[in-house]
């Protein structure tokens, strides 16, 4: 009798610990799944930003190439456009330097 009572009490304790472990494992799974989903969202956001930056860079590069590769009627390079581009580039550079000096 005592042996059977001891066995039932042990089995009840095992069931309780199993249910606790099951509960904790579900909590752990939820934490892990939320963490994974947050990481995926962060990855997708960074990927989107990177793609936008690359497309903007390619667009600017295409425009520069178009302006610098234009030719005159005699198939000579159009120096006027090249000088305008360089002037625009230098103005942009000077403006950024001035802003840096003002912030300092």
Protein backbone atom coordinates (compact mmCIF):
# COMPACT_ATOMS: atom_id res chain seq x y z
CA UNK A 1 0.00 0.00 0.00
CA UNK A 2 2.64 2.44 1.03
CA UNK A 3 4.53 1.59 -2.09
CA UNK A 4 1.56 2.38 -4.36
CA UNK A 5 0.90 5.67 -2.51
CA UNK A 6 4.52 6.63 -2.92
CA UNK A 7 4.34 5.83 -6.64
CA UNK A 8 1.20 7.90 -7.15
CA UNK A 9 2.70 10.84 -5.30
CA UNK A 10 5.85 10.56 -7.44
CA UNK A 11 3.81 10.40 -10.62
CA UNK A 12 1.82 13.47 -9.54
CA UNK A 13 5.05 15.36 -8.86
CA UNK A 14 6.37 14.31 -12.27
CA UNK A 15 3.17 15.51 -13.93
CA UNK A 16 3.42 18.85 -12.13
CA UNK A 17 7.05 19.34 -13.12
CA UNK A 18 6.28 18.30 -16.70
CA UNK A 19 3.44 20.80 -16.90
CA UNK A 20 5.68 23.52 -15.46
CA UNK A 21 8.40 22.65 -17.95
CA UNK A 22 5.85 22.66 -20.74
CA UNK A 23 4.61 26.09 -19.62
CA UNK A 24 8.14 27.48 -19.45
CA UNK A 25 9.07 26.02 -22.79
CA UNK A 26 6.00 27.66 -24.39
CA UNK A 27 6.98 30.99 -22.82
CA UNK A 28 10.49 30.51 -24.08
CA UNK A 29 9.21 29.71 -27.58
CA UNK A 30 7.10 32.88 -27.56
CA UNK A 31 10.09 34.98 -26.51
CA UNK A 32 12.25 33.41 -29.18
CA UNK A 33 9.61 33.82 -31.89
CA UNK A 34 9.05 37.51 -31.01
CA UNK A 35 12.81 38.04 -31.00
CA UNK A 36 13.13 36.35 -34.39
CA UNK A 37 10.29 38.36 -35.89
CA UNK A 38 11.83 41.59 -34.58
CA UNK A 39 15.18 40.64 -36.12
CA UNK A 40 13.48 39.83 -39.43
CA UNK A 41 11.70 43.17 -39.46
CA UNK A 42 14.97 44.97 -38.69
CA UNK A 43 16.70 43.05 -41.49
CA UNK A 44 13.93 43.91 -43.96
CA UNK A 45 14.06 47.59 -42.93
CA UNK A 46 17.84 47.73 -43.45
CA UNK A 47 17.51 45.91 -46.76
CA UNK A 48 14.89 48.43 -47.94
CA UNK A 49 17.08 51.38 -46.91
CA UNK A 50 20.09 49.85 -48.67
CA UNK A 51 18.10 49.30 -51.88
CA UNK A 52 16.78 52.87 -51.81
CA UNK A 53 20.29 54.25 -51.31
CA UNK A 54 21.64 52.12 -54.15
CA UNK A 55 18.88 53.18 -56.54
CA UNK A 56 19.46 56.85 -55.67
CA UNK A 57 23.19 56.42 -56.23
CA UNK A 58 22.65 54.70 -59.58
CA UNK A 59 20.22 57.42 -60.68
CA UNK A 60 22.70 60.19 -59.85
CA UNK A 61 25.49 58.28 -61.54
CA UNK A 62 23.36 57.86 -64.71
CA UNK A 63 22.57 61.58 -64.82
CA UNK A 64 26.23 62.51 -64.43
CA UNK A 65 27.20 60.10 -67.17
CA UNK A 66 24.55 61.56 -69.48
CA UNK A 67 25.74 65.12 -68.96
CA UNK A 68 29.43 64.29 -69.25
CA UNK A 69 29.06 62.07 -72.32
CA UNK A 70 27.11 64.57 -74.44
CA UNK A 71 28.80 65.59 -77.65
CA UNK A 72 28.61 68.56 -80.00
CA UNK A 73 27.56 68.32 -83.64
CA UNK A 74 31.15 67.56 -84.59
CA UNK A 75 31.30 64.71 -82.03
CA UNK A 76 33.51 66.67 -79.69
CA UNK A 77 32.90 66.53 -75.92
CA UNK A 78 30.64 69.33 -74.72
CA UNK A 79 33.02 71.20 -72.44
CA UNK A 80 30.37 73.69 -71.36
CA UNK A 81 28.33 70.95 -69.70
CA UNK A 82 31.42 69.44 -68.13
CA UNK A 83 32.45 72.78 -66.62
CA UNK A 84 28.91 73.35 -65.32
CA UNK A 85 28.97 69.92 -63.70
CA UNK A 86 32.32 70.59 -62.04
CA UNK A 87 31.12 73.97 -60.81
CA UNK A 88 28.01 72.39 -59.33
CA UNK A 89 30.13 69.70 -57.68
CA UNK A 90 32.52 72.24 -56.12
CA UNK A 91 29.68 74.41 -54.86
CA UNK A 92 28.13 71.39 -53.17
CA UNK A 93 31.46 70.49 -51.58
CA UNK A 94 32.06 74.04 -50.32
CA UNK A 95 28.54 74.23 -48.92
CA UNK A 96 29.03 71.00 -46.95
CA UNK A 97 32.36 72.27 -45.60
CA UNK A 98 30.80 75.53 -44.49
CA UNK A 99 28.01 73.67 -42.69
CA UNK A 100 30.60 71.53 -40.91
CA UNK A 101 32.50 74.63 -39.79
CA UNK A 102 29.32 76.28 -38.52
CA UNK A 103 28.38 73.20 -36.49
CA UNK A 104 31.84 73.07 -34.89
